[in-house]
Amino acid sequence: LALAAKASGGKVIVQVRRIVETNSRPAT
């Protein structure tokens, strides 16, 4: 969905449970 919207020049909104620190997770 996200890639379809961005390829269309559209907008991506996401709902998450929490915000984490940048680089706190492995890139994988």
mmCIF file of all heavy atoms, coordinates in Angstrom:
data_MODEL
# 
_entry.id   MODEL 
# 
loop_
_atom_site.group_PDB 
_atom_site.id 
_atom_site.type_symbol 
_atom_site.label_atom_id 
_atom_site.label_alt_id 
_atom_site.label_comp_id 
_atom_site.label_asym_id 
_atom_site.label_entity_id 
_atom_site.label_seq_id 
_atom_site.pdbx_PDB_ins_code 
_atom_site.Cartn_x 
_atom_site.Cartn_y 
_atom_site.Cartn_z 
_atom_site.occupancy 
_atom_site.B_iso_or_equiv 
_atom_site.pdbx_formal_charge 
_atom_site.auth_seq_id 
_atom_site.auth_comp_id 
_atom_site.auth_asym_id 
_atom_site.auth_atom_id 
_atom_site.pdbx_PDB_model_num 
ATOM 1   N N   . LEU A 1 1  ? 0.827  -1.206 0.000  1.00 0.00 ? 1  LEU A N   1 
ATOM 2   C CA  . LEU A 1 1  ? 0.000  0.000  0.000  1.00 0.00 ? 1  LEU A CA  1 
ATOM 3   C C   . LEU A 1 1  ? 0.861  1.255  0.000  1.00 0.00 ? 1  LEU A C   1 
ATOM 4   O O   . LEU A 1 1  ? 0.599  2.214  -0.739 1.00 0.00 ? 1  LEU A O   1 
ATOM 5   C CB  . LEU A 1 1  ? -0.897 0.016  1.243  1.00 0.00 ? 1  LEU A CB  1 
ATOM 6   C CG  . LEU A 1 1  ? -2.221 -0.725 1.182  1.00 0.00 ? 1  LEU A CG  1 
ATOM 7   C CD1 . LEU A 1 1  ? -2.864 -0.727 2.562  1.00 0.00 ? 1  LEU A CD1 1 
ATOM 8   C CD2 . LEU A 1 1  ? -3.157 -0.070 0.183  1.00 0.00 ? 1  LEU A CD2 1 
ATOM 9   N N   . ALA A 1 2  ? 1.865  1.270  0.861  1.00 0.00 ? 2  ALA A N   1 
ATOM 10  C CA  . ALA A 1 2  ? 2.721  2.446  0.964  1.00 0.00 ? 2  ALA A CA  1 
ATOM 11  C C   . ALA A 1 2  ? 3.423  2.737  -0.359 1.00 0.00 ? 2  ALA A C   1 
ATOM 12  O O   . ALA A 1 2  ? 3.465  3.879  -0.828 1.00 0.00 ? 2  ALA A O   1 
ATOM 13  C CB  . ALA A 1 2  ? 3.741  2.248  2.078  1.00 0.00 ? 2  ALA A CB  1 
ATOM 14  N N   . LEU A 1 3  ? 3.975  1.711  -0.985 1.00 0.00 ? 3  LEU A N   1 
ATOM 15  C CA  . LEU A 1 3  ? 4.702  1.909  -2.234 1.00 0.00 ? 3  LEU A CA  1 
ATOM 16  C C   . LEU A 1 3  ? 3.767  2.327  -3.354 1.00 0.00 ? 3  LEU A C   1 
ATOM 17  O O   . LEU A 1 3  ? 4.130  3.146  -4.217 1.00 0.00 ? 3  LEU A O   1 
ATOM 18  C CB  . LEU A 1 3  ? 5.466  0.643  -2.599 1.00 0.00 ? 3  LEU A CB  1 
ATOM 19  C CG  . LEU A 1 3  ? 6.538  0.206  -1.581 1.00 0.00 ? 3  LEU A CG  1 
ATOM 20  C CD1 . LEU A 1 3  ? 7.241  -1.055 -2.060 1.00 0.00 ? 3  LEU A CD1 1 
ATOM 21  C CD2 . LEU A 1 3  ? 7.538  1.321  -1.313 1.00 0.00 ? 3  LEU A CD2 1 
ATOM 22  N N   . ALA A 1 4  ? 2.546  1.798  -3.359 1.00 0.00 ? 4  ALA A N   1 
ATOM 23  C CA  . ALA A 1 4  ? 1.564  2.200  -4.371 1.00 0.00 ? 4  ALA A CA  1 
ATOM 24  C C   . ALA A 1 4  ? 1.217  3.674  -4.226 1.00 0.00 ? 4  ALA A C   1 
ATOM 25  O O   . ALA A 1 4  ? 1.127  4.414  -5.218 1.00 0.00 ? 4  ALA A O   1 
ATOM 26  C CB  . ALA A 1 4  ? 0.317  1.335  -4.256 1.00 0.00 ? 4  ALA A CB  1 
ATOM 27  N N   . ALA A 1 5  ? 1.024  4.122  -2.988 1.00 0.00 ? 5  ALA A N   1 
ATOM 28  C CA  . ALA A 1 5  ? 0.673  5.526  -2.765 1.00 0.00 ? 5  ALA A CA  1 
ATOM 29  C C   . ALA A 1 5  ? 1.832  6.455  -3.149 1.00 0.00 ? 5  ALA A C   1 
ATOM 30  O O   . ALA A 1 5  ? 1.634  7.483  -3.813 1.00 0.00 ? 5  ALA A O   1 
ATOM 31  C CB  . ALA A 1 5  ? 0.283  5.749  -1.307 1.00 0.00 ? 5  ALA A CB  1 
ATOM 32  N N   . LYS A 1 6  ? 3.049  6.102  -2.745 1.00 0.00 ? 6  LYS A N   1 
ATOM 33  C CA  . LYS A 1 6  ? 4.178  6.976  -3.058 1.00 0.00 ? 6  LYS A CA  1 
ATOM 34  C C   . LYS A 1 6  ? 4.439  7.035  -4.560 1.00 0.00 ? 6  LYS A C   1 
ATOM 35  O O   . LYS A 1 6  ? 4.761  8.087  -5.109 1.00 0.00 ? 6  LYS A O   1 
ATOM 36  C CB  . LYS A 1 6  ? 5.437  6.521  -2.314 1.00 0.00 ? 6  LYS A CB  1 
ATOM 37  C CG  . LYS A 1 6  ? 5.329  6.554  -0.792 1.00 0.00 ? 6  LYS A CG  1 
ATOM 38  C CD  . LYS A 1 6  ? 4.798  7.870  -0.253 1.00 0.00 ? 6  LYS A CD  1 
ATOM 39  C CE  . LYS A 1 6  ? 5.773  9.017  -0.399 1.00 0.00 ? 6  LYS A CE  1 
ATOM 40  N NZ  . LYS A 1 6  ? 5.253  10.253 0.245  1.00 0.00 ? 6  LYS A NZ  1 
ATOM 41  N N   . ALA A 1 7  ? 4.295  5.900  -5.256 1.00 0.00 ? 7  ALA A N   1 
ATOM 42  C CA  . ALA A 1 7  ? 4.465  5.900  -6.711 1.00 0.00 ? 7  ALA A CA  1 
ATOM 43  C C   . ALA A 1 7  ? 3.402  6.741  -7.403 1.00 0.00 ? 7  ALA A C   1 
ATOM 44  O O   . ALA A 1 7  ? 3.612  7.247  -8.516 1.00 0.00 ? 7  ALA A O   1 
ATOM 45  C CB  . ALA A 1 7  ? 4.436  4.474  -7.242 1.00 0.00 ? 7  ALA A CB  1 
ATOM 46  N N   . SER A 1 8  ? 2.251  6.895  -6.736 1.00 0.00 ? 8  SER A N   1 
ATOM 47  C CA  . SER A 1 8  ? 1.153  7.706  -7.279 1.00 0.00 ? 8  SER A CA  1 
ATOM 48  C C   . SER A 1 8  ? 1.281  9.172  -6.908 1.00 0.00 ? 8  SER A C   1 
ATOM 49  O O   . SER A 1 8  ? 0.404  9.980  -7.243 1.00 0.00 ? 8  SER A O   1 
ATOM 50  C CB  . SER A 1 8  ? -0.191 7.172  -6.751 1.00 0.00 ? 8  SER A CB  1 
ATOM 51  O OG  . SER A 1 8  ? -0.394 5.814  -7.080 1.00 0.00 ? 8  SER A OG  1 
ATOM 52  N N   . GLY A 1 9  ? 2.359  9.552  -6.183 1.00 0.00 ? 9  GLY A N   1 
ATOM 53  C CA  . GLY A 1 9  ? 2.496  10.913 -5.704 1.00 0.00 ? 9  GLY A CA  1 
ATOM 54  C C   . GLY A 1 9  ? 1.633  11.193 -4.495 1.00 0.00 ? 9  GLY A C   1 
ATOM 55  O O   . GLY A 1 9  ? 1.332  12.348 -4.178 1.00 0.00 ? 9  GLY A O   1 
ATOM 56  N N   . GLY A 1 10 ? 1.236  10.113 -3.800 1.00 0.00 ? 10 GLY A N   1 
ATOM 57  C CA  . GLY A 1 10 ? 0.310  10.245 -2.684 1.00 0.00 ? 10 GLY A CA  1 
ATOM 58  C C   . GLY A 1 10 ? 0.990  10.295 -1.335 1.00 0.00 ? 10 GLY A C   1 
ATOM 59  O O   . GLY A 1 10 ? 2.216  10.409 -1.222 1.00 0.00 ? 10 GLY A O   1 
ATOM 60  N N   . LYS A 1 11 ? 0.184  10.158 -0.310 1.00 0.00 ? 11 LYS A N   1 
ATOM 61  C CA  . LYS A 1 11 ? 0.594  10.349 1.081  1.00 0.00 ? 11 LYS A CA  1 
ATOM 62  C C   . LYS A 1 11 ? 0.432  9.050  1.857  1.00 0.00 ? 11 LYS A C   1 
ATOM 63  O O   . LYS A 1 11 ? -0.529 8.299  1.634  1.00 0.00 ? 11 LYS A O   1 
ATOM 64  C CB  . LYS A 1 11 ? -0.284 11.454 1.689  1.00 0.00 ? 11 LYS A CB  1 
ATOM 65  C CG  . LYS A 1 11 ? -0.045 11.774 3.136  1.00 0.00 ? 11 LYS A CG  1 
ATOM 66  C CD  . LYS A 1 11 ? -1.005 12.895 3.544  1.00 0.00 ? 11 LYS A CD  1 
ATOM 67  C CE  . LYS A 1 11 ? -0.846 13.277 4.997  1.00 0.00 ? 11 LYS A CE  1 
ATOM 68  N NZ  . LYS A 1 11 ? -1.800 14.357 5.377  1.00 0.00 ? 11 LYS A NZ  1 
ATOM 69  N N   . VAL A 1 12 ? 1.355  8.788  2.789  1.00 0.00 ? 12 VAL A N   1 
ATOM 70  C CA  . VAL A 1 12 ? 1.302  7.595  3.619  1.00 0.00 ? 12 VAL A CA  1 
ATOM 71  C C   . VAL A 1 12 ? 1.182  8.009  5.090  1.00 0.00 ? 12 VAL A C   1 
ATOM 72  O O   . VAL A 1 12 ? 2.042  8.727  5.605  1.00 0.00 ? 12 VAL A O   1 
ATOM 73  C CB  . VAL A 1 12 ? 2.543  6.706  3.421  1.00 0.00 ? 12 VAL A CB  1 
ATOM 74  C CG1 . VAL A 1 12 ? 2.540  5.536  4.398  1.00 0.00 ? 12 VAL A CG1 1 
ATOM 75  C CG2 . VAL A 1 12 ? 2.602  6.192  1.986  1.00 0.00 ? 12 VAL A CG2 1 
ATOM 76  N N   . ILE A 1 13 ? 0.124  7.542  5.728  1.00 0.00 ? 13 ILE A N   1 
ATOM 77  C CA  . ILE A 1 13 ? -0.132 7.788  7.148  1.00 0.00 ? 13 ILE A CA  1 
ATOM 78  C C   . ILE A 1 13 ? -0.075 6.441  7.855  1.00 0.00 ? 13 ILE A C   1 
ATOM 79  O O   . ILE A 1 13 ? -0.646 5.463  7.374  1.00 0.00 ? 13 ILE A O   1 
ATOM 80  C CB  . ILE A 1 13 ? -1.520 8.415  7.364  1.00 0.00 ? 13 ILE A CB  1 
ATOM 81  C CG1 . ILE A 1 13 ? -1.702 9.670  6.503  1.00 0.00 ? 13 ILE A CG1 1 
ATOM 82  C CG2 . ILE A 1 13 ? -1.746 8.741  8.840  1.00 0.00 ? 13 ILE A CG2 1 
ATOM 83  C CD1 . ILE A 1 13 ? -3.142 10.151 6.438  1.00 0.00 ? 13 ILE A CD1 1 
ATOM 84  N N   . VAL A 1 14 ? 0.587  6.382  9.006  1.00 0.00 ? 14 VAL A N   1 
ATOM 85  C CA  . VAL A 1 14 ? 0.709  5.098  9.695  1.00 0.00 ? 14 VAL A CA  1 
ATOM 86  C C   . VAL A 1 14 ? 0.344  5.248  11.164 1.00 0.00 ? 14 VAL A C   1 
ATOM 87  O O   . VAL A 1 14 ? 0.676  6.248  11.802 1.00 0.00 ? 14 VAL A O   1 
ATOM 88  C CB  . VAL A 1 14 ? 2.135  4.515  9.550  1.00 0.00 ? 14 VAL A CB  1 
ATOM 89  C CG1 . VAL A 1 14 ? 3.166  5.474  10.097 1.00 0.00 ? 14 VAL A CG1 1 
ATOM 90  C CG2 . VAL A 1 14 ? 2.266  3.162  10.232 1.00 0.00 ? 14 VAL A CG2 1 
ATOM 91  N N   . GLN A 1 15 ? -0.361 4.272  11.674 1.00 0.00 ? 15 GLN A N   1 
ATOM 92  C CA  . GLN A 1 15 ? -0.696 4.192  13.100 1.00 0.00 ? 15 GLN A CA  1 
ATOM 93  C C   . GLN A 1 15 ? 0.224  3.171  13.755 1.00 0.00 ? 15 GLN A C   1 
ATOM 94  O O   . GLN A 1 15 ? 0.377  2.049  13.261 1.00 0.00 ? 15 GLN A O   1 
ATOM 95  C CB  . GLN A 1 15 ? -2.152 3.766  13.269 1.00 0.00 ? 15 GLN A CB  1 
ATOM 96  C CG  . GLN A 1 15 ? -2.602 3.557  14.710 1.00 0.00 ? 15 GLN A CG  1 
ATOM 97  C CD  . GLN A 1 15 ? -4.062 3.146  14.777 1.00 0.00 ? 15 GLN A CD  1 
ATOM 98  O OE1 . GLN A 1 15 ? -4.912 3.695  14.091 1.00 0.00 ? 15 GLN A OE1 1 
ATOM 99  N NE2 . GLN A 1 15 ? -4.358 2.141  15.604 1.00 0.00 ? 15 GLN A NE2 1 
ATOM 100 N N   . VAL A 1 16 ? 0.847  3.563  14.882 1.00 0.00 ? 16 VAL A N   1 
ATOM 101 C CA  . VAL A 1 16 ? 1.751  2.661  15.592 1.00 0.00 ? 16 VAL A CA  1 
ATOM 102 C C   . VAL A 1 16 ? 1.420  2.664  17.079 1.00 0.00 ? 16 VAL A C   1 
ATOM 103 O O   . VAL A 1 16 ? 0.755  3.562  17.589 1.00 0.00 ? 16 VAL A O   1 
ATOM 104 C CB  . VAL A 1 16 ? 3.239  3.056  15.393 1.00 0.00 ? 16 VAL A CB  1 
ATOM 105 C CG1 . VAL A 1 16 ? 3.636  2.975  13.934 1.00 0.00 ? 16 VAL A CG1 1 
ATOM 106 C CG2 . VAL A 1 16 ? 3.510  4.446  15.962 1.00 0.00 ? 16 VAL A CG2 1 
ATOM 107 N N   . ARG A 1 17 ? 1.943  1.659  17.762 1.00 0.00 ? 17 ARG A N   1 
ATOM 108 C CA  . ARG A 1 17 ? 1.742  1.549  19.204 1.00 0.00 ? 17 ARG A CA  1 
ATOM 109 C C   . ARG A 1 17 ? 2.732  2.429  19.978 1.00 0.00 ? 17 ARG A C   1 
ATOM 110 O O   . ARG A 1 17 ? 2.421  2.922  21.051 1.00 0.00 ? 17 ARG A O   1 
ATOM 111 C CB  . ARG A 1 17 ? 1.878  0.081  19.632 1.00 0.00 ? 17 ARG A CB  1 
ATOM 112 C CG  . ARG A 1 17 ? 1.627  -0.175 21.112 1.00 0.00 ? 17 ARG A CG  1 
ATOM 113 C CD  . ARG A 1 17 ? 1.619  -1.662 21.437 1.00 0.00 ? 17 ARG A CD  1 
ATOM 114 N NE  . ARG A 1 17 ? 0.392  -2.305 20.957 1.00 0.00 ? 17 ARG A NE  1 
ATOM 115 C CZ  . ARG A 1 17 ? 0.332  -3.146 19.944 1.00 0.00 ? 17 ARG A CZ  1 
ATOM 116 N NH1 . ARG A 1 17 ? 1.433  -3.465 19.286 1.00 0.00 ? 17 ARG A NH1 1 
ATOM 117 N NH2 . ARG A 1 17 ? -0.807 -3.688 19.574 1.00 0.00 ? 17 ARG A NH2 1 
ATOM 118 N N   . ARG A 1 18 ? 3.920  2.639  19.426 1.00 0.00 ? 18 ARG A N   1 
ATOM 119 C CA  . ARG A 1 18 ? 4.936  3.390  20.157 1.00 0.00 ? 18 ARG A CA  1 
ATOM 120 C C   . ARG A 1 18 ? 5.984  3.953  19.201 1.00 0.00 ? 18 ARG A C   1 
ATOM 121 O O   . ARG A 1 18 ? 6.158  3.468  18.077 1.00 0.00 ? 18 ARG A O   1 
ATOM 122 C CB  . ARG A 1 18 ? 5.636  2.496  21.191 1.00 0.00 ? 18 ARG A CB  1 
ATOM 123 C CG  . ARG A 1 18 ? 6.313  1.287  20.587 1.00 0.00 ? 18 ARG A CG  1 
ATOM 124 C CD  . ARG A 1 18 ? 6.847  0.311  21.632 1.00 0.00 ? 18 ARG A CD  1 
ATOM 125 N NE  . ARG A 1 18 ? 7.309  -0.905 21.008 1.00 0.00 ? 18 ARG A NE  1 
ATOM 126 C CZ  . ARG A 1 18 ? 6.506  -1.945 20.706 1.00 0.00 ? 18 ARG A CZ  1 
ATOM 127 N NH1 . ARG A 1 18 ? 5.224  -1.887 21.021 1.00 0.00 ? 18 ARG A NH1 1 
ATOM 128 N NH2 . ARG A 1 18 ? 6.990  -3.025 20.126 1.00 0.00 ? 18 ARG A NH2 1 
ATOM 129 N N   . ILE A 1 19 ? 6.683  4.963  19.708 1.00 0.00 ? 19 ILE A N   1 
ATOM 130 C CA  . ILE A 1 19 ? 7.846  5.544  19.028 1.00 0.00 ? 19 ILE A CA  1 
ATOM 131 C C   . ILE A 1 19 ? 9.103  5.029  19.734 1.00 0.00 ? 19 ILE A C   1 
ATOM 132 O O   . ILE A 1 19 ? 9.175  5.010  20.965 1.00 0.00 ? 19 ILE A O   1 
ATOM 133 C CB  . ILE A 1 19 ? 7.811  7.090  19.090 1.00 0.00 ? 19 ILE A CB  1 
ATOM 134 C CG1 . ILE A 1 19 ? 6.536  7.621  18.423 1.00 0.00 ? 19 ILE A CG1 1 
ATOM 135 C CG2 . ILE A 1 19 ? 9.051  7.679  18.425 1.00 0.00 ? 19 ILE A CG2 1 
ATOM 136 C CD1 . ILE A 1 19 ? 6.438  7.332  16.938 1.00 0.00 ? 19 ILE A CD1 1 
ATOM 137 N N   . VAL A 1 20 ? 10.066 4.589  18.936 1.00 0.00 ? 20 VAL A N   1 
ATOM 138 C CA  . VAL A 1 20 ? 11.309 4.060  19.502 1.00 0.00 ? 20 VAL A CA  1 
ATOM 139 C C   . VAL A 1 20 ? 12.471 4.970  19.108 1.00 0.00 ? 20 VAL A C   1 
ATOM 140 O O   . VAL A 1 20 ? 12.364 5.790  18.182 1.00 0.00 ? 20 VAL A O   1 
ATOM 141 C CB  . VAL A 1 20 ? 11.580 2.623  19.018 1.00 0.00 ? 20 VAL A CB  1 
ATOM 142 C CG1 . VAL A 1 20 ? 10.443 1.696  19.431 1.00 0.00 ? 20 VAL A CG1 1 
ATOM 143 C CG2 . VAL A 1 20 ? 11.773 2.582  17.493 1.00 0.00 ? 20 VAL A CG2 1 
ATOM 144 N N   . GLU A 1 21 ? 13.578 4.822  19.808 1.00 0.00 ? 21 GLU A N   1 
ATOM 145 C CA  . GLU A 1 21 ? 14.762 5.609  19.511 1.00 0.00 ? 21 GLU A CA  1 
ATOM 146 C C   . GLU A 1 21 ? 15.335 5.217  18.145 1.00 0.00 ? 21 GLU A C   1 
ATOM 147 O O   . GLU A 1 21 ? 15.353 4.046  17.771 1.00 0.00 ? 21 GLU A O   1 
ATOM 148 C CB  . GLU A 1 21 ? 15.825 5.400  20.589 1.00 0.00 ? 21 GLU A CB  1 
ATOM 149 C CG  . GLU A 1 21 ? 15.481 6.011  21.932 1.00 0.00 ? 21 GLU A CG  1 
ATOM 150 C CD  . GLU A 1 21 ? 15.416 7.530  21.880 1.00 0.00 ? 21 GLU A CD  1 
ATOM 151 O OE1 . GLU A 1 21 ? 16.219 8.123  21.112 1.00 0.00 ? 21 GLU A OE1 1 
ATOM 152 O OE2 . GLU A 1 21 ? 14.567 8.115  22.580 1.00 0.00 ? 21 GLU A OE2 1 
ATOM 153 N N   . THR A 1 22 ? 15.807 6.211  17.432 1.00 0.00 ? 22 THR A N   1 
ATOM 154 C CA  . THR A 1 22 ? 16.463 5.951  16.153 1.00 0.00 ? 22 THR A CA  1 
ATOM 155 C C   . THR A 1 22 ? 17.677 5.045  16.371 1.00 0.00 ? 22 THR A C   1 
ATOM 156 O O   . THR A 1 22 ? 18.422 5.202  17.344 1.00 0.00 ? 22 THR A O   1 
ATOM 157 C CB  . THR A 1 22 ? 16.913 7.270  15.516 1.00 0.00 ? 22 THR A CB  1 
ATOM 158 O OG1 . THR A 1 22 ? 15.763 8.114  15.379 1.00 0.00 ? 22 THR A OG1 1 
ATOM 159 C CG2 . THR A 1 22 ? 17.536 7.036  14.143 1.00 0.00 ? 22 THR A CG2 1 
ATOM 160 N N   . ASN A 1 23 ? 17.851 4.086  15.501 1.00 0.00 ? 23 ASN A N   1 
ATOM 161 C CA  . ASN A 1 23 ? 18.965 3.122  15.549 1.00 0.00 ? 23 ASN A CA  1 
ATOM 162 C C   . ASN A 1 23 ? 18.883 2.174  16.740 1.00 0.00 ? 23 ASN A C   1 
ATOM 163 O O   . ASN A 1 23 ? 19.863 1.499  17.066 1.00 0.00 ? 23 ASN A O   1 
ATOM 164 C CB  . ASN A 1 23 ? 20.322 3.835  15.557 1.00 0.00 ? 23 ASN A CB  1 
ATOM 165 C CG  . ASN A 1 23 ? 20.534 4.694  14.326 1.00 0.00 ? 23 ASN A CG  1 
ATOM 166 O OD1 . ASN A 1 23 ? 20.114 4.308  13.231 1.00 0.00 ? 23 ASN A OD1 1 
ATOM 167 N ND2 . ASN A 1 23 ? 21.151 5.851  14.493 1.00 0.00 ? 23 ASN A ND2 1 
ATOM 168 N N   . SER A 1 24 ? 17.722 2.101  17.385 1.00 0.00 ? 24 SER A N   1 
ATOM 169 C CA  . SER A 1 24 ? 17.576 1.168  18.512 1.00 0.00 ? 24 SER A CA  1 
ATOM 170 C C   . SER A 1 24 ? 17.243 -0.237 18.043 1.00 0.00 ? 24 SER A C   1 
ATOM 171 O O   . SER A 1 24 ? 17.254 -1.175 18.837 1.00 0.00 ? 24 SER A O   1 
ATOM 172 C CB  . SER A 1 24 ? 16.479 1.657  19.460 1.00 0.00 ? 24 SER A CB  1 
ATOM 173 O OG  . SER A 1 24 ? 15.219 1.690  18.800 1.00 0.00 ? 24 SER A OG  1 
ATOM 174 N N   . ARG A 1 25 ? 16.948 -0.383 16.766 1.00 0.00 ? 25 ARG A N   1 
ATOM 175 C CA  . ARG A 1 25 ? 16.626 -1.694 16.201 1.00 0.00 ? 25 ARG A CA  1 
ATOM 176 C C   . ARG A 1 25 ? 17.594 -2.000 15.073 1.00 0.00 ? 25 ARG A C   1 
ATOM 177 O O   . ARG A 1 25 ? 18.078 -1.072 14.402 1.00 0.00 ? 25 ARG A O   1 
ATOM 178 C CB  . ARG A 1 25 ? 15.187 -1.704 15.643 1.00 0.00 ? 25 ARG A CB  1 
ATOM 179 C CG  . ARG A 1 25 ? 14.126 -1.354 16.637 1.00 0.00 ? 25 ARG A CG  1 
ATOM 180 C CD  . ARG A 1 25 ? 12.774 -1.159 15.959 1.00 0.00 ? 25 ARG A CD  1 
ATOM 181 N NE  . ARG A 1 25 ? 12.802 -0.102 14.950 1.00 0.00 ? 25 ARG A NE  1 
ATOM 182 C CZ  . ARG A 1 25 ? 11.727 0.535  14.517 1.00 0.00 ? 25 ARG A CZ  1 
ATOM 183 N NH1 . ARG A 1 25 ? 10.530 0.223  14.994 1.00 0.00 ? 25 ARG A NH1 1 
ATOM 184 N NH2 . ARG A 1 25 ? 11.810 1.482  13.606 1.00 0.00 ? 25 ARG A NH2 1 
ATOM 185 N N   . PRO A 1 26 ? 17.865 -3.267 14.823 1.00 0.00 ? 26 PRO A N   1 
ATOM 186 C CA  . PRO A 1 26 ? 18.683 -3.588 13.643 1.00 0.00 ? 26 PRO A CA  1 
ATOM 187 C C   . PRO A 1 26 ? 17.940 -3.193 12.374 1.00 0.00 ? 26 PRO A C   1 
ATOM 188 O O   . PRO A 1 26 ? 16.702 -3.189 12.323 1.00 0.00 ? 26 PRO A O   1 
ATOM 189 C CB  . PRO A 1 26 ? 18.870 -5.103 13.741 1.00 0.00 ? 26 PRO A CB  1 
ATOM 190 C CG  . PRO A 1 26 ? 17.764 -5.584 14.621 1.00 0.00 ? 26 PRO A CG  1 
ATOM 191 C CD  . PRO A 1 26 ? 17.461 -4.467 15.577 1.00 0.00 ? 26 PRO A CD  1 
ATOM 192 N N   . ALA A 1 27 ? 18.671 -2.860 11.352 1.00 0.00 ? 27 ALA A N   1 
ATOM 193 C CA  . ALA A 1 27 ? 18.051 -2.445 10.089 1.00 0.00 ? 27 ALA A CA  1 
ATOM 194 C C   . ALA A 1 27 ? 17.139 -3.530 9.529  1.00 0.00 ? 27 ALA A C   1 
ATOM 195 O O   . ALA A 1 27 ? 16.137 -3.228 8.861  1.00 0.00 ? 27 ALA A O   1 
ATOM 196 C CB  . ALA A 1 27 ? 19.132 -2.080 9.078  1.00 0.00 ? 27 ALA A CB  1 
ATOM 197 N N   . THR A 1 28 ? 17.466 -4.791 9.801  1.00 0.00 ? 28 THR A N   1 
ATOM 198 C CA  . THR A 1 28 ? 16.632 -5.889 9.298  1.00 0.00 ? 28 THR A CA  1 
ATOM 199 C C   . THR A 1 28 ? 15.236 -5.877 9.901  1.00 0.00 ? 28 THR A C   1 
ATOM 200 O O   . THR A 1 28 ? 14.311 -6.495 9.348  1.00 0.00 ? 28 THR A O   1 
ATOM 201 C CB  . THR A 1 28 ? 17.299 -7.242 9.603  1.00 0.00 ? 28 THR A CB  1 
ATOM 202 O OG1 . THR A 1 28 ? 17.642 -7.300 10.996 1.00 0.00 ? 28 THR A OG1 1 
ATOM 203 C CG2 . THR A 1 28 ? 18.549 -7.430 8.759  1.00 0.00 ? 28 THR A CG2 1 
# 
